[in-house]
Protein backbone atom coordinates (compact mmCIF):
# COMPACT_ATOMS: atom_id res chain seq x y z
CA MET A 1 41.92 -64.94 51.41
CA ALA A 2 39.02 -63.29 53.14
CA SER A 3 35.72 -63.89 52.07
CA VAL A 4 33.37 -60.96 50.47
CA ARG A 5 31.12 -61.81 53.42
CA SER A 6 33.73 -61.28 56.06
CA VAL A 7 35.46 -57.93 54.51
CA ALA A 8 32.22 -56.72 54.20
CA LEU A 9 31.18 -57.29 57.73
CA LYS A 10 34.68 -55.94 58.99
CA ALA A 11 33.87 -52.56 56.40
CA LEU A 12 30.47 -52.53 58.43
CA SER A 13 32.03 -53.01 62.05
CA GLY A 14 33.43 -49.06 61.48
CA PRO A 15 31.39 -46.01 62.45
CA SER A 16 31.60 -45.01 59.14
CA TRP A 17 29.19 -47.53 57.91
CA SER A 18 26.96 -47.05 61.03
CA HIS A 19 24.26 -45.16 58.99
CA LEU A 20 23.91 -48.05 56.37
CA VAL A 21 23.75 -50.97 58.57
CA PRO A 22 22.52 -49.56 61.64
CA ARG A 23 21.90 -52.74 63.29
CA ALA A 24 24.53 -54.96 62.36
CA GLN A 25 26.24 -55.22 65.67
CA THR A 26 22.76 -56.68 67.20
CA LEU A 27 22.60 -59.35 65.12
CA ARG A 28 23.98 -62.09 67.20
CA VAL A 29 22.14 -61.36 70.02
CA ARG A 30 18.73 -60.69 68.62
CA ALA A 31 18.71 -63.21 65.74
CA PHE A 32 16.29 -65.28 67.62
CA SER A 33 14.13 -62.89 68.67
CA ALA A 34 13.45 -60.60 65.47
CA THR A 35 12.37 -60.93 61.68
CA MET A 36 15.94 -60.22 59.89
CA SER A 37 16.32 -59.74 56.28
CA PRO A 38 18.24 -61.82 54.31
CA PRO A 39 21.60 -61.02 53.25
CA SER A 40 21.92 -58.49 50.47
CA LYS A 41 24.59 -58.23 47.64
CA ALA A 42 25.03 -54.66 46.85
CA VAL A 43 27.07 -52.21 44.86
CA VAL A 44 28.30 -49.48 47.21
CA TYR A 45 30.96 -46.86 47.19
CA GLU A 46 32.68 -45.29 50.30
CA HIS A 47 33.60 -42.16 48.86
CA HIS A 48 32.90 -39.85 45.49
CA GLY A 49 34.87 -40.07 42.38
CA PRO A 50 34.54 -42.27 39.17
CA PRO A 51 31.78 -44.71 39.20
CA ASP A 52 34.09 -47.37 37.00
CA THR A 53 36.58 -47.21 40.43
CA VAL A 54 34.76 -46.09 43.20
CA THR A 55 31.95 -49.01 43.05
CA ARG A 56 32.42 -52.16 44.28
CA MET A 57 30.18 -55.32 45.06
CA ILE A 58 29.77 -56.65 48.48
CA GLU A 59 27.89 -58.91 50.85
CA LEU A 60 25.65 -56.78 53.40
CA PRO A 61 24.80 -58.76 56.37
CA PRO A 62 20.99 -59.15 57.72
CA VAL A 63 19.48 -56.36 59.64
CA GLU A 64 16.32 -56.38 62.02
CA VAL A 65 12.97 -55.85 60.17
CA LYS A 66 11.20 -53.52 62.90
CA GLU A 67 7.61 -53.90 63.38
CA ASN A 68 6.78 -50.54 60.94
CA ASP A 69 9.44 -51.64 58.39
CA VAL A 70 9.01 -53.76 55.11
CA CYS A 71 12.26 -56.01 53.46
CA VAL A 72 11.95 -55.77 50.23
CA LYS A 73 13.74 -58.33 47.39
CA MET A 74 14.56 -56.03 44.79
CA LEU A 75 13.61 -56.90 41.13
CA ALA A 76 15.04 -54.38 38.67
CA ALA A 77 16.90 -51.11 39.17
CA PRO A 78 18.26 -48.44 36.46
CA ILE A 79 21.50 -46.73 36.08
CA ASN A 80 20.48 -43.02 35.77
CA PRO A 81 22.41 -40.40 34.77
CA SER A 82 21.84 -38.51 38.33
CA ASP A 83 23.02 -41.63 40.21
CA ILE A 84 26.69 -41.49 38.60
CA ASN A 85 26.26 -37.48 39.44
CA ARG A 86 25.47 -38.91 42.92
CA ILE A 87 28.87 -41.25 42.78
CA GLU A 88 30.77 -38.45 41.59
CA GLY A 89 29.74 -36.23 44.35
CA VAL A 90 28.14 -33.40 42.12
CA TYR A 91 24.51 -34.02 42.08
CA PRO A 92 22.98 -31.13 44.73
CA VAL A 93 21.26 -34.18 46.42
CA ARG A 94 23.15 -36.99 47.58
CA PRO A 95 23.41 -39.69 50.55
CA GLN A 96 25.69 -39.59 53.35
CA VAL A 97 28.70 -41.99 52.30
CA PRO A 98 29.76 -44.73 52.49
CA ALA A 99 26.76 -45.49 50.63
CA VAL A 100 24.61 -48.10 48.24
CA GLY A 101 23.66 -46.53 44.72
CA GLY A 102 20.95 -46.37 42.98
CA TYR A 103 17.31 -43.92 43.31
CA GLU A 104 14.73 -46.11 41.84
CA GLY A 105 13.45 -49.38 41.14
CA VAL A 106 10.96 -52.14 41.71
CA GLY A 107 10.94 -54.82 44.03
CA GLU A 108 8.52 -57.83 45.92
CA VAL A 109 7.62 -58.00 49.63
CA HIS A 110 9.86 -60.34 51.19
CA SER A 111 8.31 -59.82 54.91
CA VAL A 112 6.70 -56.94 56.60
CA GLY A 113 6.91 -55.84 60.37
CA SER A 114 4.20 -56.91 62.58
CA ALA A 115 2.43 -53.17 62.87
CA VAL A 116 2.48 -52.88 58.80
CA LYS A 117 -0.58 -52.80 57.07
CA GLY A 118 -1.66 -52.62 53.41
CA LEU A 119 1.38 -54.37 52.22
CA SER A 120 1.77 -58.37 52.07
CA PRO A 121 4.71 -60.56 51.07
CA GLY A 122 4.49 -60.98 47.24
CA ASP A 123 2.93 -57.22 46.51
CA TRP A 124 5.09 -55.28 44.19
CA VAL A 125 6.29 -52.02 45.17
CA ILE A 126 8.52 -48.95 44.16
CA PRO A 127 10.09 -46.20 46.53
CA SER A 128 8.03 -43.15 45.99
CA PRO A 129 9.02 -40.60 46.34
CA PRO A 130 12.52 -42.82 45.24
CA SER A 131 14.89 -43.45 48.02
CA SER A 132 18.69 -44.15 47.87
CA GLY A 133 20.34 -47.49 48.04
CA THR A 134 17.95 -49.12 45.32
CA TRP A 135 21.43 -51.30 44.16
CA GLN A 136 21.01 -54.26 46.01
CA THR A 137 19.02 -57.22 46.58
CA TYR A 138 17.42 -56.81 49.84
CA ILE A 139 16.18 -53.62 51.42
CA VAL A 140 14.78 -53.03 54.61
CA LYS A 141 12.79 -49.15 54.90
CA ASP A 142 9.70 -48.16 56.65
CA GLN A 143 6.35 -48.65 55.36
CA SER A 144 5.62 -45.49 54.43
CA VAL A 145 8.42 -45.22 51.55
CA TRP A 146 6.70 -47.96 49.71
CA HIS A 147 3.77 -47.77 47.19
CA LYS A 148 2.16 -50.66 45.81
CA ILE A 149 1.61 -51.12 42.19
CA ASN A 150 -0.33 -53.13 39.92
CA LYS A 151 1.78 -56.65 39.36
CA ASP A 152 0.59 -56.65 35.72
CA SER A 153 3.13 -53.41 35.15
CA PRO A 154 6.01 -54.58 32.86
CA MET A 155 8.61 -54.81 35.41
CA GLU A 156 11.13 -52.57 33.42
CA TYR A 157 8.93 -49.77 32.90
CA ALA A 158 8.32 -49.76 37.31
CA ALA A 159 11.66 -50.00 37.81
CA THR A 160 12.02 -46.56 35.57
CA ILE A 161 8.47 -44.92 36.11
CA THR A 162 9.68 -42.28 38.57
CA VAL A 163 12.66 -40.24 37.28
CA ASN A 164 12.06 -40.05 33.54
CA PRO A 165 8.41 -40.61 32.72
CA LEU A 166 6.94 -38.51 35.86
CA THR A 167 9.28 -35.56 34.28
CA ALA A 168 7.45 -35.63 31.41
CA LEU A 169 4.23 -35.80 32.66
CA LYS A 170 4.69 -32.75 35.54
CA MET A 171 6.28 -30.46 32.97
CA LEU A 172 3.35 -31.08 30.62
CA GLU A 173 0.93 -30.48 33.28
CA ASP A 174 2.27 -27.95 35.74
CA PHE A 175 2.85 -24.54 33.69
CA ILE A 176 0.32 -23.78 31.20
CA THR A 177 -3.21 -25.31 30.95
CA LEU A 178 -2.59 -27.31 27.51
CA ASN A 179 -5.77 -28.49 25.67
CA SER A 180 -6.26 -31.08 22.77
CA GLY A 181 -5.01 -29.57 19.34
CA ASP A 182 -2.59 -27.31 21.11
CA ALA A 183 1.19 -27.62 20.21
CA ILE A 184 4.58 -27.96 22.16
CA VAL A 185 8.23 -27.69 21.10
CA GLN A 186 11.08 -29.35 22.45
CA ASN A 187 14.66 -30.12 22.04
CA GLY A 188 16.37 -33.40 22.88
CA ALA A 189 13.97 -35.01 21.85
CA THR A 190 15.86 -38.01 21.21
CA SER A 191 15.81 -38.72 24.98
CA ILE A 192 13.64 -40.95 27.47
CA VAL A 193 11.89 -37.55 28.83
CA GLY A 194 11.55 -36.60 25.15
CA HIS A 195 10.21 -39.91 24.01
CA CYS A 196 7.83 -39.71 26.89
CA ILE A 197 6.67 -36.06 26.13
CA ILE A 198 5.60 -36.83 22.57
CA GLN A 199 3.88 -39.84 23.52
CA LEU A 200 1.81 -38.35 26.67
CA ALA A 201 1.31 -35.25 24.49
CA GLN A 202 -0.17 -37.35 21.64
CA TYR A 203 -2.38 -39.39 24.33
CA ARG A 204 -4.20 -36.13 25.14
CA GLY A 205 -4.67 -34.96 21.62
CA ILE A 206 -1.47 -32.21 21.77
CA HIS A 207 0.76 -31.85 18.90
CA SER A 208 4.60 -32.50 19.11
CA ILE A 209 7.35 -30.03 17.48
CA ASN A 210 10.89 -31.92 18.29
CA ILE A 211 14.17 -30.89 17.15
CA ILE A 212 17.50 -33.51 17.47
CA ARG A 213 20.96 -32.55 16.76
CA ASP A 214 22.79 -32.66 13.39
CA ARG A 215 24.41 -36.29 13.52
CA ALA A 216 24.57 -39.53 11.41
CA GLY A 217 21.58 -41.33 11.23
CA SER A 218 19.21 -38.33 11.78
CA ASP A 219 16.93 -40.18 9.31
CA GLU A 220 16.24 -43.01 11.00
CA ALA A 221 15.98 -40.84 14.50
CA LYS A 222 13.38 -39.04 12.72
CA GLU A 223 11.42 -42.27 11.67
CA LYS A 224 11.44 -43.33 15.16
CA LEU A 225 10.48 -40.39 16.58
CA LYS A 226 7.41 -40.01 13.94
CA ASN A 227 6.44 -43.51 14.65
CA LEU A 228 6.16 -42.60 18.46
CA GLY A 229 4.17 -39.59 17.53
CA ALA A 230 5.78 -36.85 16.76
CA ASP A 231 4.15 -34.56 14.61
CA GLU A 232 7.20 -32.69 13.28
CA VAL A 233 10.87 -33.49 13.58
CA PHE A 234 13.78 -31.45 12.66
CA THR A 235 17.53 -31.05 12.49
CA GLU A 236 18.95 -28.03 14.18
CA SER A 237 20.59 -27.28 10.67
CA GLN A 238 17.16 -27.31 9.19
CA LEU A 239 16.19 -24.60 11.61
CA ALA A 240 18.66 -21.83 10.19
CA VAL A 241 15.95 -20.26 8.68
CA LYS A 242 14.51 -16.52 9.13
CA ASN A 243 11.23 -17.66 10.13
CA VAL A 244 11.09 -21.31 11.52
CA LYS A 245 7.54 -20.73 12.03
CA GLY A 246 6.72 -21.09 8.19
CA LEU A 247 7.57 -24.77 8.84
CA LEU A 248 5.01 -25.68 10.53
CA GLY A 249 2.32 -26.15 8.26
CA SER A 250 -1.07 -25.96 9.43
CA LEU A 251 0.34 -26.81 12.92
CA PRO A 252 -0.60 -24.31 15.98
CA GLU A 253 2.28 -22.06 17.15
CA PRO A 254 3.47 -23.97 20.46
CA ALA A 255 2.46 -22.57 23.86
CA LEU A 256 5.28 -24.45 25.74
CA GLY A 257 8.53 -25.39 25.09
CA PHE A 258 11.20 -27.83 26.60
CA ASN A 259 14.82 -27.42 26.54
CA CYS A 260 17.24 -29.92 27.92
CA VAL A 261 20.20 -28.93 25.91
CA GLY A 262 20.65 -25.06 26.14
CA GLY A 263 22.95 -22.81 23.93
CA ASN A 264 21.64 -22.76 20.08
CA ALA A 265 19.25 -25.77 20.62
CA ALA A 266 17.30 -23.55 23.49
CA SER A 267 17.17 -20.62 21.24
CA LEU A 268 15.32 -22.62 18.58
CA VAL A 269 12.80 -24.15 20.99
CA LEU A 270 12.38 -19.87 21.92
CA LYS A 271 12.11 -19.15 18.00
CA PHE A 272 9.09 -21.63 17.80
CA LEU A 273 6.71 -20.25 20.69
CA ARG A 274 4.05 -17.92 20.20
CA GLN A 275 3.12 -14.56 22.02
CA GLY A 276 3.36 -15.39 26.06
CA GLY A 277 4.87 -18.79 25.28
CA THR A 278 6.82 -20.61 28.34
CA MET A 279 10.30 -22.48 27.73
CA VAL A 280 10.93 -24.73 30.54
CA THR A 281 14.43 -26.00 31.29
CA TYR A 282 15.22 -29.14 32.89
CA GLY A 283 18.57 -29.74 31.70
CA GLY A 284 21.51 -28.51 30.24
CA MET A 285 23.56 -31.30 28.03
CA SER A 286 25.48 -28.83 25.94
CA LYS A 287 26.88 -27.17 29.20
CA LYS A 288 26.29 -23.58 27.09
CA PRO A 289 24.04 -20.85 28.62
CA ILE A 290 20.77 -19.79 27.37
CA THR A 291 20.91 -16.72 25.41
CA VAL A 292 17.80 -14.53 25.02
CA SER A 293 17.42 -11.64 23.16
CA THR A 294 15.97 -8.51 24.11
CA SER A 295 12.74 -8.67 21.83
CA SER A 296 11.71 -11.97 23.07
CA PHE A 297 10.94 -10.55 26.29
CA ILE A 298 9.68 -7.09 25.33
CA PHE A 299 7.66 -8.08 22.25
CA LYS A 300 6.68 -11.72 22.77
CA ASP A 301 6.23 -11.38 26.58
CA LEU A 302 8.35 -15.57 26.93
CA SER A 303 8.64 -16.81 30.42
CA LEU A 304 11.46 -18.59 31.12
CA ARG A 305 11.02 -21.22 34.18
CA GLY A 306 13.01 -24.09 35.74
CA PHE A 307 12.00 -27.83 36.98
CA TRP A 308 13.62 -30.28 38.93
CA LEU A 309 11.77 -33.09 39.61
CA GLN A 310 13.61 -33.81 43.24
CA LYS A 311 12.73 -30.46 44.37
CA TRP A 312 8.85 -31.07 43.52
CA MET A 313 8.85 -34.71 45.30
CA SER A 314 10.97 -33.66 48.39
CA THR A 315 8.14 -31.12 49.12
CA ASP A 316 5.60 -33.42 50.80
CA LYS A 317 3.56 -34.25 47.78
CA ALA A 318 4.11 -38.42 47.70
CA LYS A 319 0.21 -38.90 47.23
CA GLU A 320 0.18 -36.99 44.10
CA CYS A 321 3.31 -38.58 43.08
CA ARG A 322 2.04 -41.87 43.23
CA SER A 323 -1.48 -41.11 41.52
CA MET A 324 0.78 -39.94 38.43
CA ILE A 325 3.13 -42.96 38.88
CA ASP A 326 -0.21 -45.14 38.61
CA TYR A 327 -1.27 -43.18 35.66
CA LEU A 328 1.57 -43.65 33.90
CA LEU A 329 2.18 -47.32 34.37
CA ASP A 330 -1.32 -47.54 32.84
CA ARG A 331 0.13 -46.17 29.92
CA ALA A 332 2.94 -48.29 29.78
CA ARG A 333 0.30 -51.31 30.03
CA GLU A 334 -1.83 -50.39 27.21
CA GLY A 335 1.46 -49.94 25.27
CA LYS A 336 0.97 -45.98 25.12
CA LEU A 337 4.46 -45.23 27.02
CA LYS A 338 7.41 -47.16 25.55
CA TYR A 339 10.94 -46.16 25.39
CA GLU A 340 14.20 -48.39 24.72
CA MET A 341 16.02 -50.04 27.83
CA GLU A 342 18.69 -53.34 28.26
CA LEU A 343 18.16 -55.56 30.93
CA VAL A 344 21.21 -56.39 32.57
CA PRO A 345 21.99 -59.30 35.27
CA PHE A 346 23.17 -57.55 38.94
CA ASN A 347 26.17 -59.31 38.51
CA ASN A 348 27.47 -57.91 35.54
CA PHE A 349 26.78 -54.57 36.72
CA HIS A 350 30.26 -53.06 35.95
CA SER A 351 29.63 -54.10 32.50
CA ALA A 352 25.93 -51.99 32.45
CA LEU A 353 27.93 -49.19 34.07
CA ASP A 354 30.44 -48.65 31.18
CA LYS A 355 27.62 -48.63 28.95
CA ALA A 356 25.85 -45.69 31.36
CA LEU A 357 29.02 -44.10 30.77
CA GLY A 358 29.02 -43.92 27.30
CA LYS A 359 32.19 -45.92 26.74
CA LEU A 360 30.71 -47.97 24.24
CA GLY A 361 28.72 -45.52 22.33
CA SER A 362 25.50 -44.51 22.43
CA GLN A 363 23.02 -47.48 24.11
CA PRO A 364 19.49 -48.05 25.84
CA LYS A 365 19.02 -47.55 29.31
CA GLN A 366 20.79 -49.68 31.56
CA VAL A 367 18.24 -51.53 34.03
CA LEU A 368 19.79 -54.41 36.52
CA THR A 369 17.87 -57.13 37.35
CA PHE A 370 18.14 -58.90 40.49
């Protein structure tokens, strides 16, 4: 039976893999004259489809580390919903197939090219903005891809800081000016973005009103959100009243709302907003449309906006992105930003994938460790 390595080398010799390991064919000729990466174990997919059937783990051969390249040994990388969507072929931005999975993560510099400045072996780095291909043991990419971070950062938070926490921070900062004492309202509060919004708002003295689904365990979910810093938590059924603002007590009417659900949950966010308020939509988990009454526009002058992190990060925002990531990692080190994760050895990828796909019910975010 052919080894995993020989199968990988045979697969990589074809033109379809040339973009993934562009220097595989020059390996024998240049092995003695160039710095090479170690072989890399990777989760790859050759075509789009169900992630649990189209992904497989193979060994990729070493590649040359050019003068401006950095070879990074990955430490941890999460399985995000957007990673699954990329493999399925339904995400708006996705790599050319065949491809290595994964989009964010943290690693340790293994070696650097002769012209690299500011990075040394042993440094911790993350791809910033995120870059495809983090589900592998070693990655070689240009030095411009990598952002050096504080090695005191908790590994699992460094691996997951870019997609969800950065989304929360950008939405809190980008649409209106919020001051201490103001309030926001959100649905999907039990999500990781929801958790981050609660904690980042509290850190800045901003109140949060949170909406969750009616389900078994909703009382426990409320208590958990309150422990994170939520001011109020309501189930959707509790808001089936004519005047939801009567439930606010001494809290101010929120000026900003966040919607990641759609349907009735989005309408509830709109009901809380004050005159001239803004609702930002960043997801649509219910797959139901947002319905807005005419009076909401005419008499309340509400604004509806959208946010997609990928679009912001692709518009030459690397410097701003990196300073915000440092801010978020500072909060994580202080214990002011936390969310549930499960660390899973890379070799157990498909077990972690099953959990990420929801096959075993609600599970913490799956983070692969290398």
